[in-house]
Amino acid sequence: MKSFSSFDGVEIAYDVLGEGDPVVMMHGFASDSRTNWLRPGVARAVIESGRQAVLLDARGHGESAKPRDVASYTGGAMVRDVVCLLDYLGLGAAHTVGYSMGSFTAVRLAAAEPRLVSLVLGGIGLAQILDGHLDGAQEIAAGLETESVESISDSRALAFRRFADATGSDRLALAAVQRAGDLLPAVDDLARIAVPSIVINGVDDSLAGSPQDLAAAIAGARWQSVPGDHLSAVVKPEFRQALVNFLDGLSFPTRSRATACLGPAVSDEVPAT
């Protein structure tokens, strides 16, 4: 992957694959673009549909820099990283797709970023947003920080620790993400979403819950259930087919390029990068 320096100098890894209308894809916690989008064939499905897959590894994940201080993950840092990537690539418009943590980022982005023309959310639930906190975040952080896996008694913390170990993640960077408490969107963000949207969740995803509930909170949003639970739904062919079918039903207008990271705004066409 290539990289660019974000608003605070943190290096963010990204890749641009294929040609056509850009689709910015944001992965889940303790995952990365390769695990979430490339290996399951989701990025390939986007490319084969005649679109461009714009992948980025969130800070603290994958090939991006992994600061271990909590401050690096506050102030909407992950949202600002995506804004900076849009600026860096000169994109005047983009579809956006998120899964789990990436969906939290996508909601916050869609509420404020005029260049987004659609929103696909996976592995995310309304209850998490209404509660205003991620259940067990501090326990998850502690489970990531400990050297003794056997000492982890919280089942959710243990599941995240095992997943982080399986993906070869920097556990202390991930712990800082959890302790920062800056992942969730606000309820008001949902009301500000004004682009075509769909929520796609696994039927057995007990972490996210019903896609119908979240879709009902976003004006005009659709929803679809696919096979699988929180970890497996994104690898199912039904997930990528639902994503492509949704994008196929949309038009792609050109938008003016706002530049929160790179200077004064200009108006431009969407480049074929």
C-alpha atoms as a PDB file:
ATOM      1  CA  MET A   1       0.000   0.000   0.000  1.00  0.00           C
ATOM      2  CA  LYS A   2       0.968   3.641  -0.444  1.00  0.00           C
ATOM      3  CA  SER A   3       0.732   6.203   2.324  1.00  0.00           C
ATOM      4  CA  PHE A   4       0.132   9.907   2.981  1.00  0.00           C
ATOM      5  CA  SER A   5       0.563  12.174   5.998  1.00  0.00           C
ATOM      6  CA  SER A   6      -2.754  13.018   7.630  1.00  0.00           C
ATOM      7  CA  PHE A   7      -3.717  16.232   9.424  1.00  0.00           C
ATOM      8  CA  ASP A   8      -1.463  15.526  12.423  1.00  0.00           C
ATOM      9  CA  GLY A   9       1.399  13.885  10.577  1.00  0.00           C
ATOM     10  CA  VAL A  10       0.287  10.285  11.216  1.00  0.00           C
ATOM     11  CA  GLU A  11       1.003   8.141   8.146  1.00  0.00           C
ATOM     12  CA  ILE A  12      -2.129   6.522   6.725  1.00  0.00           C
ATOM     13  CA  ALA A  13      -1.831   3.578   4.337  1.00  0.00           C
ATOM     14  CA  TYR A  14      -4.173   3.476   1.353  1.00  0.00           C
ATOM     15  CA  ASP A  15      -4.609   1.887  -2.040  1.00  0.00           C
ATOM     16  CA  VAL A  16      -6.655   2.669  -5.138  1.00  0.00           C
ATOM     17  CA  LEU A  17      -7.694  -0.306  -7.240  1.00  0.00           C
ATOM     18  CA  GLY A  18      -9.663  -0.384 -10.487  1.00  0.00           C
ATOM     19  CA  GLU A  19     -11.291   2.377 -12.467  1.00  0.00           C
ATOM     20  CA  GLY A  20     -14.593   4.202 -12.327  1.00  0.00           C
ATOM     21  CA  ASP A  21     -16.581   5.931  -9.621  1.00  0.00           C
ATOM     22  CA  PRO A  22     -14.607   5.780  -6.343  1.00  0.00           C
ATOM     23  CA  VAL A  23     -15.885   3.720  -3.412  1.00  0.00           C
ATOM     24  CA  VAL A  24     -14.099   4.528  -0.132  1.00  0.00           C
ATOM     25  CA  MET A  25     -14.006   1.412   2.057  1.00  0.00           C
ATOM     26  CA  MET A  26     -13.413   1.488   5.844  1.00  0.00           C
ATOM     27  CA  HIS A  27     -12.718  -1.706   7.796  1.00  0.00           C
ATOM     28  CA  GLY A  28     -13.551  -2.911  11.295  1.00  0.00           C
ATOM     29  CA  PHE A  29     -11.680  -2.829  14.596  1.00  0.00           C
ATOM     30  CA  ALA A  30      -8.500  -4.974  14.794  1.00  0.00           C
ATOM     31  CA  SER A  31      -8.871  -5.655  11.074  1.00  0.00           C
ATOM     32  CA  ASP A  32      -7.448  -3.950   7.988  1.00  0.00           C
ATOM     33  CA  SER A  33      -8.230  -3.510   4.306  1.00  0.00           C
ATOM     34  CA  ARG A  34      -6.722  -6.853   3.359  1.00  0.00           C
ATOM     35  CA  THR A  35      -8.646  -8.838   5.980  1.00  0.00           C
ATOM     36  CA  ASN A  36     -11.950  -6.966   5.671  1.00  0.00           C
ATOM     37  CA  TRP A  37     -12.177  -6.181   1.956  1.00  0.00           C
ATOM     38  CA  LEU A  38      -9.538  -7.923  -0.164  1.00  0.00           C
ATOM     39  CA  ARG A  39      -9.504 -11.503   1.105  1.00  0.00           C
ATOM     40  CA  PRO A  40     -13.326 -11.864   1.245  1.00  0.00           C
ATOM     41  CA  GLY A  41     -13.609 -10.571  -2.336  1.00  0.00           C
ATOM     42  CA  VAL A  42     -15.609  -7.450  -1.477  1.00  0.00           C
ATOM     43  CA  ALA A  43     -13.110  -5.098  -3.110  1.00  0.00           C
ATOM     44  CA  ARG A  44     -12.957  -7.359  -6.162  1.00  0.00           C
ATOM     45  CA  ALA A  45     -16.754  -7.239  -6.475  1.00  0.00           C
ATOM     46  CA  VAL A  46     -16.624  -3.420  -6.379  1.00  0.00           C
ATOM     47  CA  ILE A  47     -13.917  -3.363  -9.056  1.00  0.00           C
ATOM     48  CA  GLU A  48     -15.690  -5.883 -11.267  1.00  0.00           C
ATOM     49  CA  SER A  49     -18.831  -3.746 -11.064  1.00  0.00           C
ATOM     50  CA  GLY A  50     -16.901  -1.015 -12.913  1.00  0.00           C
ATOM     51  CA  ARG A  51     -15.953   1.057  -9.888  1.00  0.00           C
ATOM     52  CA  GLN A  52     -12.779   2.043  -8.102  1.00  0.00           C
ATOM     53  CA  ALA A  53     -12.035   0.584  -4.656  1.00  0.00           C
ATOM     54  CA  VAL A  54     -10.349   3.191  -2.436  1.00  0.00           C
ATOM     55  CA  LEU A  55      -9.010   1.344   0.591  1.00  0.00           C
ATOM     56  CA  LEU A  56      -7.440   2.793   3.710  1.00  0.00           C
ATOM     57  CA  ASP A  57      -6.126   1.221   6.880  1.00  0.00           C
ATOM     58  CA  ALA A  58      -7.377   3.169   9.894  1.00  0.00           C
ATOM     59  CA  ARG A  59      -4.735   4.667  12.167  1.00  0.00           C
ATOM     60  CA  GLY A  60      -3.558   2.040  14.618  1.00  0.00           C
ATOM     61  CA  HIS A  61      -4.356  -0.719  12.123  1.00  0.00           C
ATOM     62  CA  GLY A  62      -2.865  -2.603   9.209  1.00  0.00           C
ATOM     63  CA  GLU A  63      -0.057  -0.791   7.409  1.00  0.00           C
ATOM     64  CA  SER A  64      -0.902   2.636   8.843  1.00  0.00           C
ATOM     65  CA  ALA A  65       1.105   4.163  11.692  1.00  0.00           C
ATOM     66  CA  LYS A  66       0.196   2.817  15.129  1.00  0.00           C
ATOM     67  CA  PRO A  67       0.613   5.471  17.817  1.00  0.00           C
ATOM     68  CA  ARG A  68       0.027   4.091  21.288  1.00  0.00           C
ATOM     69  CA  ASP A  69      -1.104   7.304  22.973  1.00  0.00           C
ATOM     70  CA  VAL A  70      -4.800   7.854  23.535  1.00  0.00           C
ATOM     71  CA  ALA A  71      -4.680  11.450  22.254  1.00  0.00           C
ATOM     72  CA  SER A  72      -3.929  10.238  18.717  1.00  0.00           C
ATOM     73  CA  TYR A  73      -7.408   8.712  18.528  1.00  0.00           C
ATOM     74  CA  THR A  74      -9.475  11.619  19.876  1.00  0.00           C
ATOM     75  CA  GLY A  75     -11.076  14.612  18.185  1.00  0.00           C
ATOM     76  CA  GLY A  76     -12.580  12.622  15.343  1.00  0.00           C
ATOM     77  CA  ALA A  77      -9.143  11.560  14.128  1.00  0.00           C
ATOM     78  CA  MET A  78     -10.338   8.611  12.053  1.00  0.00           C
ATOM     79  CA  VAL A  79     -12.995  10.730  10.372  1.00  0.00           C
ATOM     80  CA  ARG A  80     -10.454  13.454   9.631  1.00  0.00           C
ATOM     81  CA  ASP A  81      -8.129  10.856   8.099  1.00  0.00           C
ATOM     82  CA  VAL A  82     -10.775   9.960   5.507  1.00  0.00           C
ATOM     83  CA  VAL A  83     -11.403  13.633   4.750  1.00  0.00           C
ATOM     84  CA  CYS A  84      -7.667  14.077   4.217  1.00  0.00           C
ATOM     85  CA  LEU A  85      -7.561  11.068   1.901  1.00  0.00           C
ATOM     86  CA  LEU A  86     -10.361  12.537  -0.217  1.00  0.00           C
ATOM     87  CA  ASP A  87      -8.342  15.741  -0.410  1.00  0.00           C
ATOM     88  CA  TYR A  88      -5.098  13.919  -1.135  1.00  0.00           C
ATOM     89  CA  LEU A  89      -6.638  11.984  -4.023  1.00  0.00           C
ATOM     90  CA  GLY A  90      -8.535  15.040  -5.276  1.00  0.00           C
ATOM     91  CA  LEU A  91     -11.888  13.269  -5.154  1.00  0.00           C
ATOM     92  CA  GLY A  92     -14.892  15.502  -5.718  1.00  0.00           C
ATOM     93  CA  ALA A  93     -17.371  12.730  -4.938  1.00  0.00           C
ATOM     94  CA  ALA A  94     -17.313   9.196  -3.569  1.00  0.00           C
ATOM     95  CA  HIS A  95     -19.481   6.356  -2.406  1.00  0.00           C
ATOM     96  CA  THR A  96     -18.551   5.128   1.062  1.00  0.00           C
ATOM     97  CA  VAL A  97     -18.716   1.682   2.650  1.00  0.00           C
ATOM     98  CA  GLY A  98     -18.002   0.802   6.272  1.00  0.00           C
ATOM     99  CA  TYR A  99     -18.031  -2.300   8.403  1.00  0.00           C
ATOM    100  CA  SER A 100     -18.321  -2.278  12.211  1.00  0.00           C
ATOM    101  CA  MET A 101     -15.827   0.380  13.403  1.00  0.00           C
ATOM    102  CA  GLY A 102     -15.603   1.570   9.792  1.00  0.00           C
ATOM    103  CA  SER A 103     -19.375   2.072   9.800  1.00  0.00           C
ATOM    104  CA  PHE A 104     -19.109   4.300  12.872  1.00  0.00           C
ATOM    105  CA  THR A 105     -16.601   6.415  10.962  1.00  0.00           C
ATOM    106  CA  ALA A 106     -18.768   6.374   7.839  1.00  0.00           C
ATOM    107  CA  VAL A 107     -21.839   7.664   9.716  1.00  0.00           C
ATOM    108  CA  ARG A 108     -19.879  10.575  11.187  1.00  0.00           C
ATOM    109  CA  LEU A 109     -18.391  11.300   7.792  1.00  0.00           C
ATOM    110  CA  ALA A 110     -21.727  11.188   5.953  1.00  0.00           C
ATOM    111  CA  ALA A 111     -23.247  13.600   8.469  1.00  0.00           C
ATOM    112  CA  ALA A 112     -20.729  16.320   7.631  1.00  0.00           C
ATOM    113  CA  GLU A 113     -18.883  15.614   4.372  1.00  0.00           C
ATOM    114  CA  PRO A 114     -20.650  16.929   1.220  1.00  0.00           C
ATOM    115  CA  ARG A 115     -18.536  14.840  -1.151  1.00  0.00           C
ATOM    116  CA  LEU A 116     -20.182  11.578  -0.106  1.00  0.00           C
ATOM    117  CA  VAL A 117     -22.943  10.496  -2.463  1.00  0.00           C
ATOM    118  CA  SER A 118     -24.022   7.247  -0.792  1.00  0.00           C
ATOM    119  CA  LEU A 119     -23.559   5.257   2.396  1.00  0.00           C
ATOM    120  CA  VAL A 120     -23.291   1.495   2.948  1.00  0.00           C
ATOM    121  CA  LEU A 121     -23.152   0.363   6.578  1.00  0.00           C
ATOM    122  CA  GLY A 122     -22.415  -3.169   7.752  1.00  0.00           C
ATOM    123  CA  GLY A 123     -21.997  -4.695  11.205  1.00  0.00           C
ATOM    124  CA  ILE A 124     -23.471  -1.705  13.047  1.00  0.00           C
ATOM    125  CA  GLY A 125     -26.559  -1.304  15.243  1.00  0.00           C
ATOM    126  CA  LEU A 126     -28.799   1.481  16.466  1.00  0.00           C
ATOM    127  CA  ALA A 127     -28.594   0.433  20.127  1.00  0.00           C
ATOM    128  CA  GLN A 128     -24.855   1.173  20.241  1.00  0.00           C
ATOM    129  CA  ILE A 129     -25.454   4.725  19.012  1.00  0.00           C
ATOM    130  CA  LEU A 130     -28.422   5.356  21.300  1.00  0.00           C
ATOM    131  CA  ASP A 131     -26.435   4.142  24.303  1.00  0.00           C
ATOM    132  CA  GLY A 132     -23.638   6.554  23.422  1.00  0.00           C
ATOM    133  CA  HIS A 133     -20.898   4.137  24.435  1.00  0.00           C
ATOM    134  CA  LEU A 134     -19.344   0.877  23.342  1.00  0.00           C
ATOM    135  CA  ASP A 135     -20.137  -1.867  25.832  1.00  0.00           C
ATOM    136  CA  GLY A 136     -17.025  -3.128  27.534  1.00  0.00           C
ATOM    137  CA  ALA A 137     -14.559  -0.722  25.887  1.00  0.00           C
ATOM    138  CA  GLN A 138     -12.362  -0.497  28.977  1.00  0.00           C
ATOM    139  CA  GLU A 139     -12.507  -4.260  29.481  1.00  0.00           C
ATOM    140  CA  ILE A 140     -11.540  -4.761  25.833  1.00  0.00           C
ATOM    141  CA  ALA A 141      -8.622  -2.353  26.291  1.00  0.00           C
ATOM    142  CA  ALA A 142      -7.460  -4.205  29.388  1.00  0.00           C
ATOM    143  CA  GLY A 143      -7.714  -7.512  27.557  1.00  0.00           C
ATOM    144  CA  LEU A 144      -5.548  -6.137  24.772  1.00  0.00           C
ATOM    145  CA  GLU A 145      -2.958  -4.791  27.199  1.00  0.00           C
ATOM    146  CA  THR A 146      -2.447  -7.879  29.329  1.00  0.00           C
ATOM    147  CA  GLU A 147       0.271 -10.411  28.536  1.00  0.00           C
ATOM    148  CA  SER A 148      -1.835 -13.217  29.975  1.00  0.00           C
ATOM    149  CA  VAL A 149      -4.723 -14.236  27.743  1.00  0.00           C
ATOM    150  CA  GLU A 150      -5.783 -16.730  30.411  1.00  0.00           C
ATOM    151  CA  SER A 151      -6.487 -13.840  32.810  1.00  0.00           C
ATOM    152  CA  ILE A 152      -9.206 -12.344  30.576  1.00  0.00           C
ATOM    153  CA  SER A 153     -12.596 -13.194  32.096  1.00  0.00           C
ATOM    154  CA  ASP A 154     -14.808 -10.924  29.989  1.00  0.00           C
ATOM    155  CA  SER A 155     -16.042 -12.922  26.968  1.00  0.00           C
ATOM    156  CA  ARG A 156     -16.190  -9.962  24.603  1.00  0.00           C
ATOM    157  CA  ALA A 157     -12.724  -8.783  25.607  1.00  0.00           C
ATOM    158  CA  LEU A 158     -11.415 -12.291  25.062  1.00  0.00           C
ATOM    159  CA  ALA A 159     -12.976 -12.462  21.592  1.00  0.00           C
ATOM    160  CA  PHE A 160     -11.398  -9.159  20.570  1.00  0.00           C
ATOM    161  CA  ARG A 161      -8.030 -10.211  22.005  1.00  0.00           C
ATOM    162  CA  ARG A 162      -8.078 -13.457  20.059  1.00  0.00           C
ATOM    163  CA  PHE A 163      -9.058 -11.635  16.874  1.00  0.00           C
ATOM    164  CA  ALA A 164      -6.297  -9.046  17.379  1.00  0.00           C
ATOM    165  CA  ASP A 165      -3.764 -11.822  17.895  1.00  0.00           C
ATOM    166  CA  ALA A 166      -5.023 -13.642  14.797  1.00  0.00           C
ATOM    167  CA  THR A 167      -4.619 -10.533  12.637  1.00  0.00           C
ATOM    168  CA  GLY A 168      -1.184  -9.716  14.074  1.00  0.00           C
ATOM    169  CA  SER A 169      -2.374  -6.340  15.310  1.00  0.00           C
ATOM    170  CA  ASP A 170      -0.505  -3.929  17.585  1.00  0.00           C
ATOM    171  CA  ARG A 171      -2.430  -4.628  20.775  1.00  0.00           C
ATOM    172  CA  LEU A 172      -1.329  -1.489  22.603  1.00  0.00           C
ATOM    173  CA  ALA A 173      -2.369   0.748  19.710  1.00  0.00           C
ATOM    174  CA  LEU A 174      -5.766  -0.944  19.645  1.00  0.00           C
ATOM    175  CA  ALA A 175      -6.091  -0.513  23.407  1.00  0.00           C
ATOM    176  CA  ALA A 176      -5.487   3.219  22.933  1.00  0.00           C
ATOM    177  CA  VAL A 177      -8.291   3.297  20.340  1.00  0.00           C
ATOM    178  CA  GLN A 178     -10.688   1.777  22.861  1.00  0.00           C
ATOM    179  CA  ARG A 179      -9.598   4.012  25.750  1.00  0.00           C
ATOM    180  CA  ALA A 180     -10.006   7.127  23.602  1.00  0.00           C
ATOM    181  CA  GLY A 181     -13.781   6.527  23.478  1.00  0.00           C
ATOM    182  CA  ASP A 182     -14.105   8.394  20.191  1.00  0.00           C
ATOM    183  CA  LEU A 183     -15.509   5.824  17.789  1.00  0.00           C
ATOM    184  CA  LEU A 184     -19.276   6.185  18.057  1.00  0.00           C
ATOM    185  CA  PRO A 185     -21.340   8.701  16.097  1.00  0.00           C
ATOM    186  CA  ALA A 186     -23.985  10.774  17.858  1.00  0.00           C
ATOM    187  CA  VAL A 187     -27.710  10.234  17.434  1.00  0.00           C
ATOM    188  CA  ASP A 188     -27.888  13.649  15.744  1.00  0.00           C
ATOM    189  CA  ASP A 189     -25.472  12.416  13.070  1.00  0.00           C
ATOM    190  CA  LEU A 190     -28.105   9.982  11.837  1.00  0.00           C
ATOM    191  CA  ALA A 191     -30.582  12.813  11.262  1.00  0.00           C
ATOM    192  CA  ARG A 192     -28.015  14.717   9.189  1.00  0.00           C
ATOM    193  CA  ILE A 193     -27.471  11.929   6.673  1.00  0.00           C
ATOM    194  CA  ALA A 194     -29.042  12.999   3.394  1.00  0.00           C
ATOM    195  CA  VAL A 195     -27.584  10.516   0.895  1.00  0.00           C
ATOM    196  CA  PRO A 196     -28.970   7.153  -0.253  1.00  0.00           C
ATOM    197  CA  SER A 197     -28.097   4.622   2.443  1.00  0.00           C
ATOM    198  CA  ILE A 198     -28.352   0.918   3.211  1.00  0.00           C
ATOM    199  CA  VAL A 199     -27.629  -1.144   6.324  1.00  0.00           C
ATOM    200  CA  ILE A 200     -26.444  -4.734   5.732  1.00  0.00           C
ATOM    201  CA  ASN A 201     -26.082  -6.981   8.799  1.00  0.00           C
ATOM    202  CA  GLY A 202     -25.703 -10.693   9.388  1.00  0.00           C
ATOM    203  CA  VAL A 203     -28.824 -12.437  10.621  1.00  0.00           C
ATOM    204  CA  ASP A 204     -26.832 -13.856  13.533  1.00  0.00           C
ATOM    205  CA  ASP A 205     -24.960 -10.646  14.371  1.00  0.00           C
ATOM    206  CA  SER A 206     -25.798 -10.276  18.058  1.00  0.00           C
ATOM    207  CA  LEU A 207     -23.281  -7.443  18.435  1.00  0.00           C
ATOM    208  CA  ALA A 208     -24.887  -5.154  15.852  1.00  0.00           C
ATOM    209  CA  GLY A 209     -28.462  -6.342  16.001  1.00  0.00           C
ATOM    210  CA  SER A 210     -31.216  -5.599  13.517  1.00  0.00           C
ATOM    211  CA  PRO A 211     -30.348  -3.643  10.361  1.00  0.00           C
ATOM    212  CA  GLN A 212     -33.988  -2.560  10.185  1.00  0.00           C
ATOM    213  CA  ASP A 213     -33.780  -0.511  13.396  1.00  0.00           C
ATOM    214  CA  LEU A 214     -30.809   1.528  12.222  1.00  0.00           C
ATOM    215  CA  ALA A 215     -32.234   2.000   8.730  1.00  0.00           C
ATOM    216  CA  ALA A 216     -35.424   3.405  10.267  1.00  0.00           C
ATOM    217  CA  ALA A 217     -33.358   6.145  11.949  1.00  0.00           C
ATOM    218  CA  ILE A 218     -31.819   7.318   8.637  1.00  0.00           C
ATOM    219  CA  ALA A 219     -34.104   9.125   6.212  1.00  0.00           C
ATOM    220  CA  GLY A 220     -34.955   6.910   3.242  1.00  0.00           C
ATOM    221  CA  ALA A 221     -32.466   4.195   4.193  1.00  0.00           C
ATOM    222  CA  ARG A 222     -32.867   0.594   3.083  1.00  0.00           C
ATOM    223  CA  TRP A 223     -31.821  -2.520   4.965  1.00  0.00           C
ATOM    224  CA  GLN A 224     -30.940  -6.103   4.193  1.00  0.00           C
ATOM    225  CA  SER A 225     -30.040  -9.156   6.237  1.00  0.00           C
ATOM    226  CA  VAL A 226     -27.427 -11.592   4.950  1.00  0.00           C
ATOM    227  CA  PRO A 227     -26.132 -14.905   6.336  1.00  0.00           C
ATOM    228  CA  GLY A 228     -23.513 -14.840   9.091  1.00  0.00           C
ATOM    229  CA  ASP A 229     -22.610 -13.255  12.396  1.00  0.00           C
ATOM    230  CA  HIS A 230     -20.533 -10.162  13.173  1.00  0.00           C
ATOM    231  CA  LEU A 231     -17.265 -11.657  11.964  1.00  0.00           C
ATOM    232  CA  SER A 232     -18.524 -13.834   9.122  1.00  0.00           C
ATOM    233  CA  ALA A 233     -21.260 -11.796   7.406  1.00  0.00           C
ATOM    234  CA  VAL A 234     -18.790  -9.618   5.482  1.00  0.00           C
ATOM    235  CA  VAL A 235     -17.154 -12.671   3.883  1.00  0.00           C
ATOM    236  CA  LYS A 236     -20.438 -14.058   2.565  1.00  0.00           C
ATOM    237  CA  PRO A 237     -21.198 -13.619  -1.154  1.00  0.00           C
ATOM    238  CA  GLU A 238     -24.598 -12.209  -0.212  1.00  0.00           C
ATOM    239  CA  PHE A 239     -22.904  -9.229   1.474  1.00  0.00           C
ATOM    240  CA  ARG A 240     -20.896  -8.164  -1.549  1.00  0.00           C
ATOM    241  CA  GLN A 241     -23.848  -8.799  -3.865  1.00  0.00           C
ATOM    242  CA  ALA A 242     -26.112  -6.597  -1.721  1.00  0.00           C
ATOM    243  CA  LEU A 243     -23.450  -3.879  -1.783  1.00  0.00           C
ATOM    244  CA  VAL A 244     -23.037  -3.940  -5.565  1.00  0.00           C
ATOM    245  CA  ASN A 245     -26.788  -4.139  -6.180  1.00  0.00           C
ATOM    246  CA  PHE A 246     -27.268  -1.028  -4.050  1.00  0.00           C
ATOM    247  CA  LEU A 247     -24.566   0.930  -5.869  1.00  0.00           C
ATOM    248  CA  ASP A 248     -25.924  -0.177  -9.248  1.00  0.00           C
ATOM    249  CA  GLY A 249     -29.183   1.604  -8.476  1.00  0.00           C
ATOM    250  CA  LEU A 250     -27.524   4.977  -7.870  1.00  0.00           C
ATOM    251  CA  SER A 251     -26.345   7.846 -10.038  1.00  0.00           C
ATOM    252  CA  PHE A 252     -22.976   9.475  -9.416  1.00  0.00           C
ATOM    253  CA  PRO A 253     -22.978  13.299  -9.432  1.00  0.00           C
ATOM    254  CA  THR A 254     -19.822  15.354  -9.367  1.00  0.00           C
ATOM    255  CA  ARG A 255     -19.393  17.427  -6.218  1.00  0.00           C
ATOM    256  CA  SER A 256     -17.197  20.399  -5.384  1.00  0.00           C
ATOM    257  CA  ARG A 257     -14.007  19.487  -3.570  1.00  0.00           C
ATOM    258  CA  ALA A 258     -13.877  20.807  -0.007  1.00  0.00           C
ATOM    259  CA  THR A 259     -10.357  20.791   1.401  1.00  0.00           C
ATOM    260  CA  ALA A 260     -10.250  20.467   5.149  1.00  0.00           C
ATOM    261  CA  CYS A 261      -6.637  19.313   5.000  1.00  0.00           C
ATOM    262  CA  LEU A 262      -5.006  20.750   1.925  1.00  0.00           C
ATOM    263  CA  GLY A 263      -5.912  24.402   1.549  1.00  0.00           C
ATOM    264  CA  PRO A 264      -8.618  26.468  -0.186  1.00  0.00           C
ATOM    265  CA  ALA A 265     -11.543  24.715  -1.811  1.00  0.00           C
ATOM    266  CA  VAL A 266     -11.713  24.438  -5.574  1.00  0.00           C
ATOM    267  CA  SER A 267     -14.258  22.956  -7.942  1.00  0.00           C
ATOM    268  CA  ASP A 268     -13.081  20.001  -9.974  1.00  0.00           C
ATOM    269  CA  GLU A 269     -14.154  16.894 -11.826  1.00  0.00           C
ATOM    270  CA  VAL A 270     -13.783  13.443 -10.315  1.00  0.00           C
ATOM    271  CA  PRO A 271     -10.407  12.222 -11.620  1.00  0.00           C
ATOM    272  CA  ALA A 272      -9.908   8.810 -13.165  1.00  0.00           C
ATOM    273  CA  THR A 273      -6.979   7.748 -10.976  1.00  0.00           C
END
